[in-house]
Amino acid sequence: MPETVVHFQIRMPPYLHEELASRAKEQKASLNAMVVEILREAVEWHSSSDGQSDGKARM
């Protein structure tokens, strides 16, 4: 089954882009792959840390 790709643009301060791009370069990974991994880990952490299991973000 082909992977579904969703295009998503994000605005961020230049200093944050520079930091993330630098880390991605050190890890020999693309910036996109690194951001996707950070988001995946954050969603998993958020779901497990507050007992949330429906995948909906809480504010």
N, C-alpha and C. Protein backbone atom coordinates (compact mmCIF):
# COMPACT_ATOMS: atom_id res chain seq x y z
N MET A 1 0.85 -1.18 0.00
CA MET A 1 0.00 0.00 0.00
C MET A 1 0.90 1.24 0.00
N PRO A 2 0.65 2.18 -0.92
CA PRO A 2 1.50 3.37 -0.98
C PRO A 2 1.33 4.26 0.25
N GLU A 3 2.41 4.89 0.63
CA GLU A 3 2.39 5.79 1.78
C GLU A 3 1.64 7.06 1.41
N THR A 4 0.78 7.50 2.30
CA THR A 4 0.06 8.75 2.09
C THR A 4 0.94 9.91 2.54
N VAL A 5 1.05 10.90 1.70
CA VAL A 5 1.87 12.06 2.02
C VAL A 5 0.96 13.27 2.10
N VAL A 6 1.05 13.99 3.20
CA VAL A 6 0.28 15.21 3.40
C VAL A 6 1.27 16.37 3.45
N HIS A 7 1.02 17.38 2.68
CA HIS A 7 1.90 18.55 2.68
C HIS A 7 1.43 19.53 3.74
N PHE A 8 2.37 20.00 4.53
CA PHE A 8 2.06 20.87 5.66
C PHE A 8 3.17 21.91 5.75
N GLN A 9 2.80 23.16 5.77
CA GLN A 9 3.81 24.21 5.92
C GLN A 9 3.73 24.77 7.33
N ILE A 10 4.89 25.11 7.85
CA ILE A 10 4.94 25.67 9.19
C ILE A 10 5.83 26.91 9.16
N ARG A 11 5.42 27.90 9.89
CA ARG A 11 6.24 29.11 10.04
C ARG A 11 6.95 29.01 11.38
N MET A 12 8.22 29.36 11.36
CA MET A 12 8.99 29.33 12.61
C MET A 12 10.02 30.43 12.57
N PRO A 13 10.45 30.86 13.74
CA PRO A 13 11.49 31.89 13.79
C PRO A 13 12.79 31.37 13.16
N PRO A 14 13.54 32.25 12.54
CA PRO A 14 14.79 31.84 11.91
C PRO A 14 15.74 31.10 12.85
N TYR A 15 15.82 31.53 14.11
CA TYR A 15 16.75 30.87 15.04
C TYR A 15 16.37 29.41 15.25
N LEU A 16 15.07 29.12 15.27
CA LEU A 16 14.62 27.75 15.46
C LEU A 16 14.91 26.91 14.22
N HIS A 17 14.70 27.49 13.04
CA HIS A 17 15.02 26.78 11.80
C HIS A 17 16.51 26.46 11.75
N GLU A 18 17.33 27.43 12.11
CA GLU A 18 18.78 27.21 12.10
C GLU A 18 19.18 26.09 13.05
N GLU A 19 18.58 26.07 14.25
CA GLU A 19 18.89 25.03 15.24
C GLU A 19 18.48 23.66 14.73
N LEU A 20 17.27 23.55 14.21
CA LEU A 20 16.79 22.26 13.72
C LEU A 20 17.58 21.80 12.50
N ALA A 21 17.87 22.72 11.59
CA ALA A 21 18.65 22.36 10.40
C ALA A 21 20.05 21.89 10.78
N SER A 22 20.64 22.54 11.77
CA SER A 22 21.96 22.14 12.24
C SER A 22 21.94 20.73 12.84
N ARG A 23 20.93 20.46 13.66
CA ARG A 23 20.81 19.12 14.25
C ARG A 23 20.58 18.06 13.18
N ALA A 24 19.75 18.38 12.20
CA ALA A 24 19.48 17.43 11.13
C ALA A 24 20.76 17.12 10.36
N LYS A 25 21.54 18.15 10.08
CA LYS A 25 22.80 17.96 9.36
C LYS A 25 23.76 17.08 10.16
N GLU A 26 23.85 17.32 11.47
CA GLU A 26 24.71 16.50 12.34
C GLU A 26 24.29 15.03 12.31
N GLN A 27 22.98 14.80 12.25
CA GLN A 27 22.45 13.43 12.26
C GLN A 27 22.38 12.83 10.86
N LYS A 28 22.81 13.61 9.86
CA LYS A 28 22.75 13.18 8.47
C LYS A 28 21.33 12.75 8.09
N ALA A 29 20.39 13.59 8.48
CA ALA A 29 18.97 13.35 8.20
C ALA A 29 18.39 14.60 7.55
N SER A 30 17.29 14.43 6.87
CA SER A 30 16.63 15.61 6.31
C SER A 30 15.91 16.35 7.42
N LEU A 31 15.75 17.63 7.23
CA LEU A 31 15.02 18.44 8.20
C LEU A 31 13.59 17.92 8.31
N ASN A 32 12.99 17.56 7.20
CA ASN A 32 11.63 17.04 7.21
C ASN A 32 11.54 15.77 8.06
N ALA A 33 12.45 14.83 7.85
CA ALA A 33 12.42 13.58 8.60
C ALA A 33 12.58 13.84 10.09
N MET A 34 13.44 14.77 10.44
CA MET A 34 13.66 15.07 11.85
C MET A 34 12.42 15.70 12.48
N VAL A 35 11.79 16.63 11.79
CA VAL A 35 10.59 17.28 12.32
C VAL A 35 9.46 16.27 12.46
N VAL A 36 9.29 15.39 11.49
CA VAL A 36 8.26 14.35 11.58
C VAL A 36 8.51 13.47 12.79
N GLU A 37 9.76 13.09 13.04
CA GLU A 37 10.09 12.25 14.20
C GLU A 37 9.81 12.99 15.51
N ILE A 38 10.17 14.27 15.58
CA ILE A 38 9.91 15.07 16.78
C ILE A 38 8.41 15.14 17.05
N LEU A 39 7.63 15.38 16.00
CA LEU A 39 6.17 15.44 16.16
C LEU A 39 5.60 14.09 16.60
N ARG A 40 6.09 13.00 16.00
CA ARG A 40 5.62 11.66 16.36
C ARG A 40 5.89 11.38 17.83
N GLU A 41 7.10 11.69 18.28
CA GLU A 41 7.46 11.47 19.68
C GLU A 41 6.62 12.33 20.61
N ALA A 42 6.35 13.58 20.22
CA ALA A 42 5.54 14.47 21.05
C ALA A 42 4.11 13.96 21.17
N VAL A 43 3.56 13.46 20.08
CA VAL A 43 2.19 12.92 20.12
C VAL A 43 2.14 11.69 21.01
N GLU A 44 3.13 10.80 20.88
CA GLU A 44 3.18 9.61 21.74
C GLU A 44 3.32 10.00 23.21
N TRP A 45 4.20 10.94 23.50
CA TRP A 45 4.41 11.38 24.88
C TRP A 45 3.14 11.99 25.43
N HIS A 46 2.53 12.86 24.65
CA HIS A 46 1.31 13.55 25.10
C HIS A 46 0.20 12.54 25.36
N SER A 47 0.06 11.57 24.49
CA SER A 47 -0.99 10.56 24.64
C SER A 47 -0.76 9.71 25.88
N SER A 48 0.48 9.37 26.16
CA SER A 48 0.76 8.50 27.31
C SER A 48 0.84 9.27 28.62
N SER A 49 1.20 10.55 28.58
CA SER A 49 1.41 11.29 29.82
C SER A 49 0.12 11.79 30.46
N ASP A 50 -0.95 11.96 29.68
CA ASP A 50 -2.17 12.48 30.29
C ASP A 50 -3.34 11.50 30.20
N GLY A 51 -3.04 10.27 29.84
CA GLY A 51 -4.09 9.27 29.77
C GLY A 51 -4.99 9.42 28.57
N GLN A 52 -4.61 10.26 27.66
CA GLN A 52 -5.42 10.51 26.48
C GLN A 52 -5.18 9.40 25.47
N SER A 53 -6.24 8.84 24.93
CA SER A 53 -6.08 7.77 23.96
C SER A 53 -6.82 8.03 22.66
N ASP A 54 -7.57 9.13 22.56
CA ASP A 54 -8.35 9.38 21.35
C ASP A 54 -7.58 10.16 20.29
N GLY A 55 -6.34 10.56 20.57
CA GLY A 55 -5.52 11.26 19.60
C GLY A 55 -5.84 12.73 19.43
N LYS A 56 -6.81 13.24 20.17
CA LYS A 56 -7.18 14.65 20.06
C LYS A 56 -6.32 15.48 20.99
N ALA A 57 -5.85 16.60 20.48
CA ALA A 57 -5.02 17.49 21.30
C ALA A 57 -5.88 18.21 22.32
N ARG A 58 -5.33 18.38 23.50
CA ARG A 58 -6.02 19.16 24.54
C ARG A 58 -5.36 20.51 24.64
N MET A 59 -6.15 21.48 24.91
CA MET A 59 -5.64 22.84 25.09
C MET A 59 -5.73 23.23 26.53
